[in-house]
């Protein structure tokens, strides 16, 4: 008498063999791509063309990350007293004095033409006469100031406000301290509740 074979078991075995064969083909194909420059270049070119087509298609926004908009701006802040935190090392020049690789807080008093430089890793306070001071290579990830007079200038925008709020994101550039505080460089966004640049 012929034994009955379990059809389910045979089907499962057959599917397993198909998966094993596909896996083996993938291994061979990937090794060919690595060893054969011509095939690899052709493959990379074809995937690049597909990527370009997707970017240009209506589906592009689903597969690409939008780039941050960077605006070249000049921001002028007018306040008698103002604190500015240097997150990365900067060089400060004030007249004949200079501080190199400073990281910490600058407490600026425009009325007295004086700035207290307080390093983040020390209790030492350096007083600078800041009738005209310049700070190079400033990076500030976020700066939010309430109740301040300011002006923002970019290629297409000229905004000024009195006793208002301003938010500055990802600033990189230079700061000049004189009768006011001027930030000139790049930002990803400058905004308040009514307007936005970037």
C-alpha atoms as a PDB file:
ATOM      1  CA  UNK A   1       0.000   0.000   0.000  1.00  0.00           C
ATOM      2  CA  UNK A   2       1.419   3.398  -1.045  1.00  0.00           C
ATOM      3  CA  UNK A   3       1.808   5.801   1.887  1.00  0.00           C
ATOM      4  CA  UNK A   4      -0.091   9.131   1.696  1.00  0.00           C
ATOM      5  CA  UNK A   5       2.168  12.156   1.345  1.00  0.00           C
ATOM      6  CA  UNK A   6       1.318  15.336   3.203  1.00  0.00           C
ATOM      7  CA  UNK A   7       0.675  17.973   0.510  1.00  0.00           C
ATOM      8  CA  UNK A   8       1.177  20.860   2.980  1.00  0.00           C
ATOM      9  CA  UNK A   9       4.635  19.606   3.953  1.00  0.00           C
ATOM     10  CA  UNK A  10       5.632  19.212   0.294  1.00  0.00           C
ATOM     11  CA  UNK A  11       4.391  22.728  -0.489  1.00  0.00           C
ATOM     12  CA  UNK A  12       6.382  24.175   2.409  1.00  0.00           C
ATOM     13  CA  UNK A  13       9.520  22.335   1.273  1.00  0.00           C
ATOM     14  CA  UNK A  14       9.022  23.571  -2.286  1.00  0.00           C
ATOM     15  CA  UNK A  15       8.667  27.236  -1.115  1.00  0.00           C
ATOM     16  CA  UNK A  16      11.765  26.879   1.048  1.00  0.00           C
ATOM     17  CA  UNK A  17      13.785  25.670  -1.967  1.00  0.00           C
ATOM     18  CA  UNK A  18      12.567  28.622  -4.038  1.00  0.00           C
ATOM     19  CA  UNK A  19      13.645  31.058  -1.315  1.00  0.00           C
ATOM     20  CA  UNK A  20      17.041  29.344  -1.065  1.00  0.00           C
ATOM     21  CA  UNK A  21      17.506  29.589  -4.831  1.00  0.00           C
ATOM     22  CA  UNK A  22      16.588  33.312  -4.848  1.00  0.00           C
ATOM     23  CA  UNK A  23      19.031  33.922  -1.980  1.00  0.00           C
ATOM     24  CA  UNK A  24      21.809  32.119  -3.892  1.00  0.00           C
ATOM     25  CA  UNK A  25      21.129  34.199  -7.026  1.00  0.00           C
ATOM     26  CA  UNK A  26      21.292  37.407  -4.976  1.00  0.00           C
ATOM     27  CA  UNK A  27      24.671  36.407  -3.501  1.00  0.00           C
ATOM     28  CA  UNK A  28      26.087  35.654  -6.957  1.00  0.00           C
ATOM     29  CA  UNK A  29      24.710  38.893  -8.412  1.00  0.00           C
ATOM     30  CA  UNK A  30      26.089  41.030  -5.561  1.00  0.00           C
ATOM     31  CA  UNK A  31      29.538  39.454  -5.834  1.00  0.00           C
ATOM     32  CA  UNK A  32      29.480  40.086  -9.582  1.00  0.00           C
ATOM     33  CA  UNK A  33      28.649  43.725  -8.971  1.00  0.00           C
ATOM     34  CA  UNK A  34      31.533  44.074  -6.527  1.00  0.00           C
ATOM     35  CA  UNK A  35      34.084  42.301  -8.756  1.00  0.00           C
ATOM     36  CA  UNK A  36      33.008  43.581 -12.159  1.00  0.00           C
ATOM     37  CA  UNK A  37      33.374  47.346 -12.495  1.00  0.00           C
ATOM     38  CA  UNK A  38      31.411  47.547 -15.727  1.00  0.00           C
ATOM     39  CA  UNK A  39      28.385  45.778 -14.314  1.00  0.00           C
ATOM     40  CA  UNK A  40      28.636  47.776 -11.083  1.00  0.00           C
ATOM     41  CA  UNK A  41      28.761  51.102 -12.969  1.00  0.00           C
ATOM     42  CA  UNK A  42      25.829  50.124 -15.153  1.00  0.00           C
ATOM     43  CA  UNK A  43      23.835  49.169 -12.067  1.00  0.00           C
ATOM     44  CA  UNK A  44      24.720  52.385 -10.249  1.00  0.00           C
ATOM     45  CA  UNK A  45      23.884  54.474 -13.320  1.00  0.00           C
ATOM     46  CA  UNK A  46      20.511  52.822 -13.702  1.00  0.00           C
ATOM     47  CA  UNK A  47      19.644  53.339 -10.022  1.00  0.00           C
ATOM     48  CA  UNK A  48      20.808  56.957 -10.311  1.00  0.00           C
ATOM     49  CA  UNK A  49      18.533  57.492 -13.304  1.00  0.00           C
ATOM     50  CA  UNK A  50      15.631  55.993 -11.384  1.00  0.00           C
ATOM     51  CA  UNK A  51      16.397  58.338  -8.471  1.00  0.00           C
ATOM     52  CA  UNK A  52      16.475  61.346 -10.817  1.00  0.00           C
ATOM     53  CA  UNK A  53      13.155  60.305 -12.355  1.00  0.00           C
ATOM     54  CA  UNK A  54      11.591  59.934  -8.892  1.00  0.00           C
ATOM     55  CA  UNK A  55      12.834  63.401  -7.857  1.00  0.00           C
ATOM     56  CA  UNK A  56      11.323  64.948 -10.967  1.00  0.00           C
ATOM     57  CA  UNK A  57       8.058  63.094 -10.645  1.00  0.00           C
ATOM     58  CA  UNK A  58       5.067  64.075  -8.452  1.00  0.00           C
ATOM     59  CA  UNK A  59       6.251  61.342  -6.070  1.00  0.00           C
ATOM     60  CA  UNK A  60       9.553  63.124  -5.516  1.00  0.00           C
ATOM     61  CA  UNK A  61       8.395  64.895  -2.363  1.00  0.00           C
ATOM     62  CA  UNK A  62       7.670  61.513  -0.780  1.00  0.00           C
ATOM     63  CA  UNK A  63      11.223  60.236  -1.298  1.00  0.00           C
ATOM     64  CA  UNK A  64      13.388  63.319  -0.863  1.00  0.00           C
ATOM     65  CA  UNK A  65      14.156  65.371   2.224  1.00  0.00           C
ATOM     66  CA  UNK A  66      13.641  69.082   1.593  1.00  0.00           C
ATOM     67  CA  UNK A  67      16.810  71.142   2.002  1.00  0.00           C
ATOM     68  CA  UNK A  68      16.930  73.838   4.649  1.00  0.00           C
ATOM     69  CA  UNK A  69      16.569  77.330   3.283  1.00  0.00           C
ATOM     70  CA  UNK A  70      19.517  79.509   4.239  1.00  0.00           C
ATOM     71  CA  UNK A  71      19.119  83.280   4.013  1.00  0.00           C
ATOM     72  CA  UNK A  72      22.003  85.741   4.051  1.00  0.00           C
ATOM     73  CA  UNK A  73      20.956  88.345   6.597  1.00  0.00           C
ATOM     74  CA  UNK A  74      21.988  91.336   8.661  1.00  0.00           C
ATOM     75  CA  UNK A  75      20.257  91.534  12.048  1.00  0.00           C
ATOM     76  CA  UNK A  76      20.637  94.676  14.151  1.00  0.00           C
ATOM     77  CA  UNK A  77      19.610  94.438  17.805  1.00  0.00           C
ATOM     78  CA  UNK A  78      19.181  97.555  19.953  1.00  0.00           C
ATOM     79  CA  UNK A  79      19.179  97.025  23.710  1.00  0.00           C
ATOM     80  CA  UNK A  80      21.003  98.643  26.599  1.00  0.00           C
ATOM     81  CA  UNK A  81      21.872  95.264  28.107  1.00  0.00           C
ATOM     82  CA  UNK A  82      22.095  91.973  26.311  1.00  0.00           C
ATOM     83  CA  UNK A  83      23.460  88.464  26.976  1.00  0.00           C
ATOM     84  CA  UNK A  84      24.938  86.459  24.116  1.00  0.00           C
ATOM     85  CA  UNK A  85      26.001  82.840  24.617  1.00  0.00           C
ATOM     86  CA  UNK A  86      28.936  81.603  22.533  1.00  0.00           C
ATOM     87  CA  UNK A  87      28.313  77.868  22.013  1.00  0.00           C
ATOM     88  CA  UNK A  88      31.525  77.195  20.063  1.00  0.00           C
ATOM     89  CA  UNK A  89      35.007  78.778  20.386  1.00  0.00           C
ATOM     90  CA  UNK A  90      35.181  82.315  18.964  1.00  0.00           C
ATOM     91  CA  UNK A  91      37.821  85.021  18.698  1.00  0.00           C
ATOM     92  CA  UNK A  92      36.847  88.401  20.167  1.00  0.00           C
ATOM     93  CA  UNK A  93      38.678  91.606  19.240  1.00  0.00           C
ATOM     94  CA  UNK A  94      38.003  94.861  21.089  1.00  0.00           C
ATOM     95  CA  UNK A  95      40.437  97.663  20.302  1.00  0.00           C
ATOM     96  CA  UNK A  96      43.910  96.396  21.237  1.00  0.00           C
ATOM     97  CA  UNK A  97      42.499  93.555  23.360  1.00  0.00           C
ATOM     98  CA  UNK A  98      41.536  90.104  22.180  1.00  0.00           C
ATOM     99  CA  UNK A  99      40.241  86.845  23.607  1.00  0.00           C
ATOM    100  CA  UNK A 100      40.934  83.697  21.602  1.00  0.00           C
ATOM    101  CA  UNK A 101      38.861  80.505  21.593  1.00  0.00           C
ATOM    102  CA  UNK A 102      36.279  81.934  23.976  1.00  0.00           C
ATOM    103  CA  UNK A 103      33.273  79.788  24.931  1.00  0.00           C
ATOM    104  CA  UNK A 104      30.781  81.203  27.393  1.00  0.00           C
ATOM    105  CA  UNK A 105      28.490  84.178  27.990  1.00  0.00           C
ATOM    106  CA  UNK A 106      29.006  87.764  26.912  1.00  0.00           C
ATOM    107  CA  UNK A 107      27.031  90.202  29.040  1.00  0.00           C
ATOM    108  CA  UNK A 108      26.935  93.303  26.868  1.00  0.00           C
ATOM    109  CA  UNK A 109      26.117  96.735  28.301  1.00  0.00           C
ATOM    110  CA  UNK A 110      25.848  99.170  25.395  1.00  0.00           C
ATOM    111  CA  UNK A 111      25.073 102.133  27.639  1.00  0.00           C
ATOM    112  CA  UNK A 112      28.444 101.743  29.415  1.00  0.00           C
ATOM    113  CA  UNK A 113      30.365 100.403  26.373  1.00  0.00           C
ATOM    114  CA  UNK A 114      31.380  97.421  28.491  1.00  0.00           C
ATOM    115  CA  UNK A 115      31.176  93.668  27.996  1.00  0.00           C
ATOM    116  CA  UNK A 116      31.716  91.052  30.700  1.00  0.00           C
ATOM    117  CA  UNK A 117      33.098  87.840  29.178  1.00  0.00           C
ATOM    118  CA  UNK A 118      32.341  84.887  31.463  1.00  0.00           C
ATOM    119  CA  UNK A 119      33.911  81.601  30.258  1.00  0.00           C
ATOM    120  CA  UNK A 120      31.711  78.523  30.690  1.00  0.00           C
ATOM    121  CA  UNK A 121      34.557  76.515  32.246  1.00  0.00           C
ATOM    122  CA  UNK A 122      35.907  79.142  34.654  1.00  0.00           C
ATOM    123  CA  UNK A 123      34.860  81.667  37.284  1.00  0.00           C
ATOM    124  CA  UNK A 124      37.113  84.317  35.722  1.00  0.00           C
ATOM    125  CA  UNK A 125      35.357  87.399  34.312  1.00  0.00           C
ATOM    126  CA  UNK A 126      37.096  89.487  31.643  1.00  0.00           C
ATOM    127  CA  UNK A 127      35.885  93.069  31.175  1.00  0.00           C
ATOM    128  CA  UNK A 128      36.223  94.503  27.670  1.00  0.00           C
ATOM    129  CA  UNK A 129      35.645  98.070  26.527  1.00  0.00           C
ATOM    130  CA  UNK A 130      33.310  97.386  23.618  1.00  0.00           C
ATOM    131  CA  UNK A 131      32.853 100.735  21.947  1.00  0.00           C
ATOM    132  CA  UNK A 132      33.830  98.757  18.848  1.00  0.00           C
ATOM    133  CA  UNK A 133      34.262  94.988  19.162  1.00  0.00           C
ATOM    134  CA  UNK A 134      34.130  92.166  16.646  1.00  0.00           C
ATOM    135  CA  UNK A 135      33.514  88.461  17.150  1.00  0.00           C
ATOM    136  CA  UNK A 136      34.402  86.102  14.298  1.00  0.00           C
ATOM    137  CA  UNK A 137      32.988  82.654  13.565  1.00  0.00           C
ATOM    138  CA  UNK A 138      29.900  82.791  15.796  1.00  0.00           C
ATOM    139  CA  UNK A 139      27.473  79.839  15.741  1.00  0.00           C
ATOM    140  CA  UNK A 140      24.163  80.064  17.600  1.00  0.00           C
ATOM    141  CA  UNK A 141      21.616  77.283  17.222  1.00  0.00           C
ATOM    142  CA  UNK A 142      18.700  79.246  18.697  1.00  0.00           C
ATOM    143  CA  UNK A 143      18.302  82.761  20.061  1.00  0.00           C
ATOM    144  CA  UNK A 144      14.929  84.042  21.275  1.00  0.00           C
ATOM    145  CA  UNK A 145      14.708  87.626  22.538  1.00  0.00           C
ATOM    146  CA  UNK A 146      11.660  89.353  23.976  1.00  0.00           C
ATOM    147  CA  UNK A 147      10.870  93.073  24.101  1.00  0.00           C
ATOM    148  CA  UNK A 148      13.728  94.295  21.892  1.00  0.00           C
ATOM    149  CA  UNK A 149      14.137  96.782  19.048  1.00  0.00           C
ATOM    150  CA  UNK A 150      15.529  95.155  15.922  1.00  0.00           C
ATOM    151  CA  UNK A 151      15.982  95.371  12.177  1.00  0.00           C
ATOM    152  CA  UNK A 152      16.342  92.412   9.814  1.00  0.00           C
ATOM    153  CA  UNK A 153      17.698  92.904   6.294  1.00  0.00           C
ATOM    154  CA  UNK A 154      18.041  90.252   3.606  1.00  0.00           C
ATOM    155  CA  UNK A 155      18.050  90.291  -0.184  1.00  0.00           C
ATOM    156  CA  UNK A 156      14.252  90.555  -0.367  1.00  0.00           C
ATOM    157  CA  UNK A 157      13.244  91.732   3.093  1.00  0.00           C
ATOM    158  CA  UNK A 158      13.642  94.765   5.317  1.00  0.00           C
ATOM    159  CA  UNK A 159      11.790  94.421   8.626  1.00  0.00           C
ATOM    160  CA  UNK A 160      12.054  96.587  11.714  1.00  0.00           C
ATOM    161  CA  UNK A 161      10.170  96.468  14.997  1.00  0.00           C
ATOM    162  CA  UNK A 162      10.131  98.128  18.412  1.00  0.00           C
ATOM    163  CA  UNK A 163       9.728  96.254  21.699  1.00  0.00           C
ATOM    164  CA  UNK A 164       8.991  93.027  19.867  1.00  0.00           C
ATOM    165  CA  UNK A 165      10.014  89.363  19.945  1.00  0.00           C
ATOM    166  CA  UNK A 166      12.546  87.854  17.542  1.00  0.00           C
ATOM    167  CA  UNK A 167      13.609  84.238  17.036  1.00  0.00           C
ATOM    168  CA  UNK A 168      16.882  83.414  15.260  1.00  0.00           C
ATOM    169  CA  UNK A 169      17.724  79.837  14.241  1.00  0.00           C
ATOM    170  CA  UNK A 170      21.086  78.337  13.189  1.00  0.00           C
ATOM    171  CA  UNK A 171      23.000  81.593  12.876  1.00  0.00           C
ATOM    172  CA  UNK A 172      26.574  81.386  11.620  1.00  0.00           C
ATOM    173  CA  UNK A 173      28.637  84.459  10.914  1.00  0.00           C
ATOM    174  CA  UNK A 174      30.149  87.480  12.639  1.00  0.00           C
ATOM    175  CA  UNK A 175      28.943  89.776  15.420  1.00  0.00           C
ATOM    176  CA  UNK A 176      29.903  93.437  15.705  1.00  0.00           C
ATOM    177  CA  UNK A 177      29.268  95.377  18.919  1.00  0.00           C
ATOM    178  CA  UNK A 178      29.104  99.163  18.771  1.00  0.00           C
ATOM    179  CA  UNK A 179      26.142 101.445  19.343  1.00  0.00           C
ATOM    180  CA  UNK A 180      24.080  98.310  18.688  1.00  0.00           C
ATOM    181  CA  UNK A 181      24.677  94.597  18.091  1.00  0.00           C
ATOM    182  CA  UNK A 182      24.971  93.496  14.468  1.00  0.00           C
ATOM    183  CA  UNK A 183      24.781  89.857  13.415  1.00  0.00           C
ATOM    184  CA  UNK A 184      25.769  89.283   9.791  1.00  0.00           C
ATOM    185  CA  UNK A 185      25.832  85.857   8.194  1.00  0.00           C
ATOM    186  CA  UNK A 186      23.550  82.939   7.457  1.00  0.00           C
ATOM    187  CA  UNK A 187      20.451  81.649   9.210  1.00  0.00           C
ATOM    188  CA  UNK A 188      17.933  78.945   8.476  1.00  0.00           C
ATOM    189  CA  UNK A 189      15.113  81.071   9.895  1.00  0.00           C
ATOM    190  CA  UNK A 190      14.372  84.433  11.496  1.00  0.00           C
ATOM    191  CA  UNK A 191      10.807  84.981  12.669  1.00  0.00           C
ATOM    192  CA  UNK A 192       8.266  86.333  15.056  1.00  0.00           C
ATOM    193  CA  UNK A 193       4.526  85.710  15.305  1.00  0.00           C
ATOM    194  CA  UNK A 194       3.675  87.781  12.198  1.00  0.00           C
ATOM    195  CA  UNK A 195       6.495  87.127   9.696  1.00  0.00           C
ATOM    196  CA  UNK A 196       9.233  84.632   8.830  1.00  0.00           C
ATOM    197  CA  UNK A 197      12.407  84.623   6.709  1.00  0.00           C
ATOM    198  CA  UNK A 198      13.837  81.269   5.653  1.00  0.00           C
END
